[in-house]
Amino acid sequence: MEYLNRLGLFLMIILINACGFKTELPTESYLIEPTFGAGNKSYIRISPDWDLTSGYDFQRPWDIVVGADGYLFIADHDQPRIHTLSAAGVELTSSDDFGNDFTALTDLKTSTGQSIFPMAIAQDSRLNLFIADSSNRLFVWNQYLNNVGVDSMVSAVQLRSPEDELLWVANFDSVALLQTSGWEVESLIWSSENVDQWLDPYLFWDASESSEAAQVAKYFIKPDLVRVTGVSTFGDYCRISDAHGNAIITLSYVPAALLMTGDGEEMIVYRGTMTERTVSTGTGNGTVNDPKGLSHDAEGGIYYTQWGENFSVHKVGGSAGFEYGQDDIMEIERYDHASDVILDLTGNIYVADTGHNLIQQFSSSGNFLYNIGISKVLIDSSITDSILIGSEYQIVERDTSFQVEVADNLSNPRSVAVDGTGVIYIADTENNRVMRYRLSTELDYTTGN
């Protein structure tokens, strides 16, 4: 980490132009118009379920995201693994037809060989997949680098003084200091040693690392007691939820190394440093108490769920937030342990209501729309009426039926995700499976196999 700290200082100054590097991959991502429109009547279950009988080995799937490049990533909390699936549901355990290699995700380990049991994941536009394991660390794995490979990385810098003196510097603190004195970068030395470290999940943020611990302590958070239970990204920021310190923390991207990729492009890899305590502890609207899931909207608004008092779903920043007593999403008694929140392309909001065994969908303004993951049952009944005939009332019975929603499909769902076509993916945690739903006007609420 000390090496990364030194390297980051000079890279921030001399390599700022490389920050615009865009990672585009050939994939099977599809361009289909979303199907979130009006006129749809109900969510129906897509068959088959992704479970053991269909060939999937999930052991308590905990978090699920649709990646920036169209793949599904599923954090399996009871094994050190992130399952990677194509949009068609094909599990990818090594390389696919487009050169993406997901081998490192099948057995997650730290650089010292310790297993990582993922709890929360998120992917940014640079194809960095962030991995939290409910510790005070955050790991990252880059999909692009595992597609093209790493050829070399910068190990030393030659600088030229204002008087034309040349100097090779390997201590990157000195590089930064010399640059502030007018020295300019003349050339770089590239090395192929230890480049494979960037292909495995590596440490993005460690609250216990000495310089970072001092930074964290400035915000009245105990570094050793941080417990990361949610992660989301927006621009050059990564935000995490700390369930112990009761805070939403902002981590800024800091360059950690300059790499030469296997296809001859220069690319910066990053680490994180805490720059803000974005949301602080409390029980009112806009505060946080035992946070879980975390997400962003297109304007940078932060959405998070929590298990503590009082409100289960919050929105901070961006456009106008939600108000208690006005918006359905803020009803205190509506949820039983809300664990995750996500938005679709049109701004609809989905909340994993874990204790009630269902997903709740709301409009972007917080109005309730649908329950997802439920069955609709037709119940036969009879109605007794008193009818006035002449001067006397007579009792008349007539048969009728009505439809009710029953939460009998899911068991403690911890996460929900939505793809670009409007398909809902649910981590059905206690049933060790992933279930899919879509909006339809059909009246058939069974799955069929």
Foldseek 3Di string as FASTA:
>chain_A
DVLLVLQLLLCVPAVVVQVPDAQDFDDPDDDDFADPDPPFDAKFFADDFFFVVVPDDAAQFAEWEQEPRGWIWTQRQVALAIWIAHPVGHTACAADPRQFGPVLRGFAAEPVGHRARFREWEADRQQWIWTFRQFLFIWTAHRRCSRFPFQWWFQWWWKAAPVRDIDIDRRSVVVSVRVVVPIGTDDTDIDRPPRCVRRHIYTQDQCPPVVQVVVVVVVVDHRRQFTWAEWEDDDQWIWTAGQVQQFIWIWGWGFRIWTQTNVGDIHTDTHTHTDDRCAHDDADARHGHRWHYWYADPQGWIWTAHQDHFFGIHIDDDPDTADPPPAPNRDRPPAHRWHYWDAAPQQWIWIQRQVQLWIWIAHNHRHTDHIHQWFKDKDKDKDWDWDDDPNHTDIDIDIDIDIDTGNPGAHRWRYWYADSHGKIWISRRVSSTIIIIHGHNDPDRDHDD
